[in-house]
Amino acid sequence: MIAARHEILANTIRRHWGVESNNWQLDVTFGEDRIQVKNGTQAQIMGKLRCLAMNLLRWSKTGEHNFQASIEKFMDAPSR
């Protein structure tokens, strides 16, 4: 019973840090915090497009484990 609670807590913490990691990558890679838009809907759409771009780069078969290396490899061969 106690082990199950510890596992639930550990999984919750992992999911939280996964979200934080995504936010950090969006800010560092795409400069998301510096982008200013006037319309709230436009901000939401652009945020979704940046997330899509990040996931497409992650899912691409670059063979890299490092996200920045994946981006650089994609930039070298955009036909991917």
PDB file of N, CA and C in Angstrom:
ATOM      1  N   MET A   1       0.821  -1.189   0.000  1.00  0.00           N
ATOM      2  CA  MET A   1       0.000   0.000   0.000  1.00  0.00           C
ATOM      3  C   MET A   1       0.871   1.262   0.000  1.00  0.00           C
ATOM      4  N   ILE A   2       1.856   1.301   0.880  1.00  0.00           N
ATOM      5  CA  ILE A   2       2.741   2.470   0.960  1.00  0.00           C
ATOM      6  C   ILE A   2       3.601   2.553  -0.296  1.00  0.00           C
ATOM      7  N   ALA A   3       4.049   1.417  -0.812  1.00  0.00           N
ATOM      8  CA  ALA A   3       4.875   1.411  -2.026  1.00  0.00           C
ATOM      9  C   ALA A   3       4.093   1.970  -3.207  1.00  0.00           C
ATOM     10  N   ALA A   4       2.802   1.659  -3.271  1.00  0.00           N
ATOM     11  CA  ALA A   4       1.960   2.174  -4.355  1.00  0.00           C
ATOM     12  C   ALA A   4       1.857   3.693  -4.262  1.00  0.00           C
ATOM     13  N   ARG A   5       1.719   4.233  -3.067  1.00  0.00           N
ATOM     14  CA  ARG A   5       1.645   5.691  -2.895  1.00  0.00           C
ATOM     15  C   ARG A   5       2.949   6.359  -3.300  1.00  0.00           C
ATOM     16  N   HIS A   6       4.070   5.719  -2.943  1.00  0.00           N
ATOM     17  CA  HIS A   6       5.374   6.271  -3.324  1.00  0.00           C
ATOM     18  C   HIS A   6       5.525   6.279  -4.843  1.00  0.00           C
ATOM     19  N   GLU A   7       5.062   5.239  -5.496  1.00  0.00           N
ATOM     20  CA  GLU A   7       5.154   5.164  -6.957  1.00  0.00           C
ATOM     21  C   GLU A   7       4.277   6.235  -7.613  1.00  0.00           C
ATOM     22  N   ILE A   8       3.086   6.450  -7.073  1.00  0.00           N
ATOM     23  CA  ILE A   8       2.197   7.500  -7.604  1.00  0.00           C
ATOM     24  C   ILE A   8       2.857   8.864  -7.439  1.00  0.00           C
ATOM     25  N   LEU A   9       3.425   9.115  -6.279  1.00  0.00           N
ATOM     26  CA  LEU A   9       4.107  10.389  -6.032  1.00  0.00           C
ATOM     27  C   LEU A   9       5.293  10.562  -6.980  1.00  0.00           C
ATOM     28  N   ALA A  10       6.087   9.522  -7.156  1.00  0.00           N
ATOM     29  CA  ALA A  10       7.243   9.594  -8.055  1.00  0.00           C
ATOM     30  C   ALA A  10       6.805   9.867  -9.496  1.00  0.00           C
ATOM     31  N   ASN A  11       5.734   9.214  -9.950  1.00  0.00           N
ATOM     32  CA  ASN A  11       5.241   9.441 -11.310  1.00  0.00           C
ATOM     33  C   ASN A  11       4.717  10.866 -11.476  1.00  0.00           C
ATOM     34  N   THR A  12       4.056  11.384 -10.465  1.00  0.00           N
ATOM     35  CA  THR A  12       3.550  12.755 -10.513  1.00  0.00           C
ATOM     36  C   THR A  12       4.706  13.753 -10.621  1.00  0.00           C
ATOM     37  N   ILE A  13       5.741  13.526  -9.847  1.00  0.00           N
ATOM     38  CA  ILE A  13       6.913  14.408  -9.888  1.00  0.00           C
ATOM     39  C   ILE A  13       7.585  14.327 -11.252  1.00  0.00           C
ATOM     40  N   ARG A  14       7.740  13.129 -11.815  1.00  0.00           N
ATOM     41  CA  ARG A  14       8.342  12.970 -13.150  1.00  0.00           C
ATOM     42  C   ARG A  14       7.545  13.718 -14.217  1.00  0.00           C
ATOM     43  N   ARG A  15       6.215  13.605 -14.170  1.00  0.00           N
ATOM     44  CA  ARG A  15       5.372  14.309 -15.151  1.00  0.00           C
ATOM     45  C   ARG A  15       5.530  15.822 -15.010  1.00  0.00           C
ATOM     46  N   HIS A  16       5.584  16.301 -13.770  1.00  0.00           N
ATOM     47  CA  HIS A  16       5.751  17.736 -13.541  1.00  0.00           C
ATOM     48  C   HIS A  16       7.063  18.223 -14.151  1.00  0.00           C
ATOM     49  N   TRP A  17       8.158  17.505 -13.902  1.00  0.00           N
ATOM     50  CA  TRP A  17       9.447  17.942 -14.433  1.00  0.00           C
ATOM     51  C   TRP A  17       9.523  17.767 -15.935  1.00  0.00           C
ATOM     52  N   GLY A  18       8.737  16.844 -16.496  1.00  0.00           N
ATOM     53  CA  GLY A  18       8.655  16.731 -17.952  1.00  0.00           C
ATOM     54  C   GLY A  18       8.051  17.984 -18.557  1.00  0.00           C
ATOM     55  N   VAL A  19       7.011  18.510 -17.918  1.00  0.00           N
ATOM     56  CA  VAL A  19       6.383  19.756 -18.378  1.00  0.00           C
ATOM     57  C   VAL A  19       7.357  20.919 -18.225  1.00  0.00           C
ATOM     58  N   GLU A  20       8.039  20.993 -17.094  1.00  0.00           N
ATOM     59  CA  GLU A  20       9.012  22.060 -16.874  1.00  0.00           C
ATOM     60  C   GLU A  20      10.140  21.993 -17.893  1.00  0.00           C
ATOM     61  N   SER A  21      10.581  20.792 -18.231  1.00  0.00           N
ATOM     62  CA  SER A  21      11.629  20.615 -19.229  1.00  0.00           C
ATOM     63  C   SER A  21      11.165  21.129 -20.591  1.00  0.00           C
ATOM     64  N   ASN A  22       9.921  20.810 -20.965  1.00  0.00           N
ATOM     65  CA  ASN A  22       9.375  21.310 -22.230  1.00  0.00           C
ATOM     66  C   ASN A  22       9.334  22.832 -22.238  1.00  0.00           C
ATOM     67  N   ASN A  23       8.885  23.429 -21.141  1.00  0.00           N
ATOM     68  CA  ASN A  23       8.822  24.887 -21.062  1.00  0.00           C
ATOM     69  C   ASN A  23      10.206  25.502 -21.192  1.00  0.00           C
ATOM     70  N   TRP A  24      11.181  24.902 -20.547  1.00  0.00           N
ATOM     71  CA  TRP A  24      12.551  25.412 -20.619  1.00  0.00           C
ATOM     72  C   TRP A  24      13.068  25.313 -22.045  1.00  0.00           C
ATOM     73  N   GLN A  25      12.829  24.171 -22.712  1.00  0.00           N
ATOM     74  CA  GLN A  25      13.296  24.015 -24.092  1.00  0.00           C
ATOM     75  C   GLN A  25      12.623  25.003 -25.030  1.00  0.00           C
ATOM     76  N   LEU A  26      11.334  25.250 -24.845  1.00  0.00           N
ATOM     77  CA  LEU A  26      10.644  26.234 -25.680  1.00  0.00           C
ATOM     78  C   LEU A  26      11.238  27.623 -25.479  1.00  0.00           C
ATOM     79  N   ASP A  27      11.559  27.955 -24.246  1.00  0.00           N
ATOM     80  CA  ASP A  27      12.111  29.278 -23.976  1.00  0.00           C
ATOM     81  C   ASP A  27      13.523  29.406 -24.534  1.00  0.00           C
ATOM     82  N   VAL A  28      14.358  28.420 -24.308  1.00  0.00           N
ATOM     83  CA  VAL A  28      15.746  28.492 -24.748  1.00  0.00           C
ATOM     84  C   VAL A  28      15.852  28.357 -26.263  1.00  0.00           C
ATOM     85  N   THR A  29      15.162  27.388 -26.838  1.00  0.00           N
ATOM     86  CA  THR A  29      15.298  27.104 -28.262  1.00  0.00           C
ATOM     87  C   THR A  29      14.571  28.122 -29.133  1.00  0.00           C
ATOM     88  N   PHE A  30      13.351  28.438 -28.774  1.00  0.00           N
ATOM     89  CA  PHE A  30      12.526  29.311 -29.604  1.00  0.00           C
ATOM     90  C   PHE A  30      12.376  30.719 -29.032  1.00  0.00           C
ATOM     91  N   GLY A  31      13.000  30.999 -27.888  1.00  0.00           N
ATOM     92  CA  GLY A  31      12.917  32.324 -27.281  1.00  0.00           C
ATOM     93  C   GLY A  31      11.492  32.737 -26.956  1.00  0.00           C
ATOM     94  N   GLU A  32      10.706  31.777 -26.473  1.00  0.00           N
ATOM     95  CA  GLU A  32       9.275  31.999 -26.275  1.00  0.00           C
ATOM     96  C   GLU A  32       8.967  33.149 -25.317  1.00  0.00           C
ATOM     97  N   ASP A  33       9.767  33.346 -24.300  1.00  0.00           N
ATOM     98  CA  ASP A  33       9.478  34.411 -23.327  1.00  0.00           C
ATOM     99  C   ASP A  33       9.700  35.804 -23.910  1.00  0.00           C
ATOM    100  N   ARG A  34      10.513  35.922 -24.967  1.00  0.00           N
ATOM    101  CA  ARG A  34      10.788  37.224 -25.565  1.00  0.00           C
ATOM    102  C   ARG A  34       9.768  37.612 -26.631  1.00  0.00           C
ATOM    103  N   ILE A  35       8.928  36.674 -27.062  1.00  0.00           N
ATOM    104  CA  ILE A  35       7.973  36.935 -28.130  1.00  0.00           C
ATOM    105  C   ILE A  35       6.773  37.686 -27.560  1.00  0.00           C
ATOM    106  N   GLN A  36       6.421  38.769 -28.234  1.00  0.00           N
ATOM    107  CA  GLN A  36       5.275  39.571 -27.792  1.00  0.00           C
ATOM    108  C   GLN A  36       4.218  39.571 -28.892  1.00  0.00           C
ATOM    109  N   VAL A  37       3.013  39.219 -28.533  1.00  0.00           N
ATOM    110  CA  VAL A  37       1.886  39.278 -29.462  1.00  0.00           C
ATOM    111  C   VAL A  37       0.779  40.095 -28.805  1.00  0.00           C
ATOM    112  N   LYS A  38      -0.030  40.730 -29.621  1.00  0.00           N
ATOM    113  CA  LYS A  38      -1.071  41.607 -29.091  1.00  0.00           C
ATOM    114  C   LYS A  38      -2.382  40.878 -28.873  1.00  0.00           C
ATOM    115  N   ASN A  39      -2.626  39.813 -29.604  1.00  0.00           N
ATOM    116  CA  ASN A  39      -3.897  39.104 -29.550  1.00  0.00           C
ATOM    117  C   ASN A  39      -3.711  37.801 -28.780  1.00  0.00           C
ATOM    118  N   GLY A  40      -4.554  37.523 -27.794  1.00  0.00           N
ATOM    119  CA  GLY A  40      -4.445  36.302 -26.986  1.00  0.00           C
ATOM    120  C   GLY A  40      -4.576  35.037 -27.805  1.00  0.00           C
ATOM    121  N   THR A  41      -5.475  35.068 -28.802  1.00  0.00           N
ATOM    122  CA  THR A  41      -5.652  33.888 -29.655  1.00  0.00           C
ATOM    123  C   THR A  41      -4.394  33.619 -30.467  1.00  0.00           C
ATOM    124  N   GLN A  42      -3.777  34.685 -30.964  1.00  0.00           N
ATOM    125  CA  GLN A  42      -2.555  34.541 -31.744  1.00  0.00           C
ATOM    126  C   GLN A  42      -1.449  33.932 -30.873  1.00  0.00           C
ATOM    127  N   ALA A  43      -1.357  34.347 -29.631  1.00  0.00           N
ATOM    128  CA  ALA A  43      -0.349  33.806 -28.720  1.00  0.00           C
ATOM    129  C   ALA A  43      -0.558  32.310 -28.512  1.00  0.00           C
ATOM    130  N   GLN A  44      -1.813  31.893 -28.343  1.00  0.00           N
ATOM    131  CA  GLN A  44      -2.107  30.472 -28.156  1.00  0.00           C
ATOM    132  C   GLN A  44      -1.748  29.668 -29.397  1.00  0.00           C
ATOM    133  N   ILE A  45      -2.109  30.189 -30.562  1.00  0.00           N
ATOM    134  CA  ILE A  45      -1.818  29.479 -31.814  1.00  0.00           C
ATOM    135  C   ILE A  45      -0.315  29.355 -32.017  1.00  0.00           C
ATOM    136  N   MET A  46       0.415  30.449 -31.812  1.00  0.00           N
ATOM    137  CA  MET A  46       1.867  30.400 -31.993  1.00  0.00           C
ATOM    138  C   MET A  46       2.520  29.462 -30.980  1.00  0.00           C
ATOM    139  N   GLY A  47       2.011  29.434 -29.761  1.00  0.00           N
ATOM    140  CA  GLY A  47       2.535  28.504 -28.759  1.00  0.00           C
ATOM    141  C   GLY A  47       2.331  27.058 -29.176  1.00  0.00           C
ATOM    142  N   LYS A  48       1.155  26.753 -29.709  1.00  0.00           N
ATOM    143  CA  LYS A  48       0.870  25.390 -30.186  1.00  0.00           C
ATOM    144  C   LYS A  48       1.773  25.033 -31.360  1.00  0.00           C
ATOM    145  N   LEU A  49       2.000  25.987 -32.269  1.00  0.00           N
ATOM    146  CA  LEU A  49       2.873  25.720 -33.418  1.00  0.00           C
ATOM    147  C   LEU A  49       4.314  25.475 -32.975  1.00  0.00           C
ATOM    148  N   ARG A  50       4.786  26.222 -31.969  1.00  0.00           N
ATOM    149  CA  ARG A  50       6.140  25.982 -31.457  1.00  0.00           C
ATOM    150  C   ARG A  50       6.238  24.599 -30.805  1.00  0.00           C
ATOM    151  N   CYS A  51       5.195  24.203 -30.064  1.00  0.00           N
ATOM    152  CA  CYS A  51       5.176  22.862 -29.451  1.00  0.00           C
ATOM    153  C   CYS A  51       5.172  21.788 -30.538  1.00  0.00           C
ATOM    154  N   LEU A  52       4.394  22.001 -31.585  1.00  0.00           N
ATOM    155  CA  LEU A  52       4.359  21.053 -32.702  1.00  0.00           C
ATOM    156  C   LEU A  52       5.736  20.941 -33.347  1.00  0.00           C
ATOM    157  N   ALA A  53       6.371  22.079 -33.589  1.00  0.00           N
ATOM    158  CA  ALA A  53       7.707  22.067 -34.188  1.00  0.00           C
ATOM    159  C   ALA A  53       8.693  21.309 -33.312  1.00  0.00           C
ATOM    160  N   MET A  54       8.617  21.544 -31.999  1.00  0.00           N
ATOM    161  CA  MET A  54       9.522  20.859 -31.078  1.00  0.00           C
ATOM    162  C   MET A  54       9.281  19.355 -31.109  1.00  0.00           C
ATOM    163  N   ASN A  55       8.018  18.937 -31.101  1.00  0.00           N
ATOM    164  CA  ASN A  55       7.714  17.506 -31.137  1.00  0.00           C
ATOM    165  C   ASN A  55       8.107  16.876 -32.467  1.00  0.00           C
ATOM    166  N   LEU A  56       7.915  17.579 -33.571  1.00  0.00           N
ATOM    167  CA  LEU A  56       8.335  17.040 -34.864  1.00  0.00           C
ATOM    168  C   LEU A  56       9.844  16.827 -34.901  1.00  0.00           C
ATOM    169  N   LEU A  57      10.584  17.757 -34.322  1.00  0.00           N
ATOM    170  CA  LEU A  57      12.035  17.580 -34.256  1.00  0.00           C
ATOM    171  C   LEU A  57      12.407  16.402 -33.364  1.00  0.00           C
ATOM    172  N   ARG A  58      11.684  16.223 -32.277  1.00  0.00           N
ATOM    173  CA  ARG A  58      11.957  15.081 -31.393  1.00  0.00           C
ATOM    174  C   ARG A  58      11.655  13.760 -32.082  1.00  0.00           C
ATOM    175  N   TRP A  59      10.564  13.728 -32.848  1.00  0.00           N
ATOM    176  CA  TRP A  59      10.138  12.487 -33.489  1.00  0.00           C
ATOM    177  C   TRP A  59      10.918  12.192 -34.762  1.00  0.00           C
ATOM    178  N   SER A  60      11.625  13.183 -35.293  1.00  0.00           N
ATOM    179  CA  SER A  60      12.389  12.942 -36.521  1.00  0.00           C
ATOM    180  C   SER A  60      13.493  11.935 -36.226  1.00  0.00           C
ATOM    181  N   LYS A  61      13.842  11.211 -37.206  1.00  0.00           N
ATOM    182  CA  LYS A  61      14.831  10.147 -37.040  1.00  0.00           C
ATOM    183  C   LYS A  61      16.244  10.669 -37.284  1.00  0.00           C
ATOM    184  N   THR A  62      16.685  11.612 -36.450  1.00  0.00           N
ATOM    185  CA  THR A  62      18.026  12.163 -36.617  1.00  0.00           C
ATOM    186  C   THR A  62      19.080  11.286 -35.957  1.00  0.00           C
ATOM    187  N   GLY A  63      18.662  10.426 -35.044  1.00  0.00           N
ATOM    188  CA  GLY A  63      19.620   9.574 -34.340  1.00  0.00           C
ATOM    189  C   GLY A  63      20.301  10.288 -33.182  1.00  0.00           C
ATOM    190  N   GLU A  64      19.900  11.503 -32.901  1.00  0.00           N
ATOM    191  CA  GLU A  64      20.506  12.284 -31.817  1.00  0.00           C
ATOM    192  C   GLU A  64      19.663  12.160 -30.554  1.00  0.00           C
ATOM    193  N   HIS A  65      20.326  12.148 -29.409  1.00  0.00           N
ATOM    194  CA  HIS A  65      19.613  12.123 -28.128  1.00  0.00           C
ATOM    195  C   HIS A  65      19.508  13.530 -27.548  1.00  0.00           C
ATOM    196  N   ASN A  66      20.330  14.421 -28.033  1.00  0.00           N
ATOM    197  CA  ASN A  66      20.366  15.799 -27.572  1.00  0.00           C
ATOM    198  C   ASN A  66      19.455  16.636 -28.472  1.00  0.00           C
ATOM    199  N   PHE A  67      18.537  17.413 -27.878  1.00  0.00           N
ATOM    200  CA  PHE A  67      17.568  18.186 -28.653  1.00  0.00           C
ATOM    201  C   PHE A  67      18.269  19.220 -29.530  1.00  0.00           C
ATOM    202  N   GLN A  68      19.260  19.913 -29.002  1.00  0.00           N
ATOM    203  CA  GLN A  68      19.977  20.925 -29.784  1.00  0.00           C
ATOM    204  C   GLN A  68      20.708  20.275 -30.956  1.00  0.00           C
ATOM    205  N   ALA A  69      21.302  19.109 -30.739  1.00  0.00           N
ATOM    206  CA  ALA A  69      21.983  18.400 -31.826  1.00  0.00           C
ATOM    207  C   ALA A  69      20.982  17.984 -32.899  1.00  0.00           C
ATOM    208  N   SER A  70      19.777  17.617 -32.489  1.00  0.00           N
ATOM    209  CA  SER A  70      18.718  17.278 -33.446  1.00  0.00           C
ATOM    210  C   SER A  70      18.382  18.471 -34.323  1.00  0.00           C
ATOM    211  N   ILE A  71      18.262  19.632 -33.714  1.00  0.00           N
ATOM    212  CA  ILE A  71      17.951  20.851 -34.468  1.00  0.00           C
ATOM    213  C   ILE A  71      19.067  21.148 -35.463  1.00  0.00           C
ATOM    214  N   GLU A  72      20.306  21.061 -35.014  1.00  0.00           N
ATOM    215  CA  GLU A  72      21.434  21.350 -35.904  1.00  0.00           C
ATOM    216  C   GLU A  72      21.511  20.356 -37.044  1.00  0.00           C
ATOM    217  N   LYS A  73      21.246  19.099 -36.767  1.00  0.00           N
ATOM    218  CA  LYS A  73      21.281  18.091 -37.823  1.00  0.00           C
ATOM    219  C   LYS A  73      20.149  18.343 -38.820  1.00  0.00           C
ATOM    220  N   PHE A  74      18.981  18.741 -38.335  1.00  0.00           N
ATOM    221  CA  PHE A  74      17.856  19.047 -39.216  1.00  0.00           C
ATOM    222  C   PHE A  74      18.180  20.260 -40.083  1.00  0.00           C
ATOM    223  N   MET A  75      18.823  21.264 -39.501  1.00  0.00           N
ATOM    224  CA  MET A  75      19.179  22.462 -40.269  1.00  0.00           C
ATOM    225  C   MET A  75      20.178  22.126 -41.364  1.00  0.00           C
ATOM    226  N   ASP A  76      21.030  21.138 -41.134  1.00  0.00           N
ATOM    227  CA  ASP A  76      22.018  20.733 -42.142  1.00  0.00           C
ATOM    228  C   ASP A  76      21.360  19.967 -43.292  1.00  0.00           C
ATOM    229  N   ALA A  77      20.207  19.327 -43.036  1.00  0.00           N
ATOM    230  CA  ALA A  77      19.512  18.535 -44.055  1.00  0.00           C
ATOM    231  C   ALA A  77      18.006  18.769 -43.952  1.00  0.00           C
ATOM    232  N   PRO A  78      17.503  19.929 -44.393  1.00  0.00           N
ATOM    233  CA  PRO A  78      16.078  20.244 -44.236  1.00  0.00           C
ATOM    234  C   PRO A  78      15.158  19.323 -45.019  1.00  0.00           C
ATOM    235  N   SER A  79      15.677  18.535 -45.939  1.00  0.00           N
ATOM    236  CA  SER A  79      14.822  17.619 -46.698  1.00  0.00           C
ATOM    237  C   SER A  79      14.265  16.511 -45.818  1.00  0.00           C
ATOM    238  N   ARG A  80      14.799  16.349 -44.615  1.00  0.00           N
ATOM    239  CA  ARG A  80      14.271  15.357 -43.696  1.00  0.00           C
ATOM    240  C   ARG A  80      12.850  15.678 -43.366  1.00  0.00           C
TER     241      ARG A  80
END
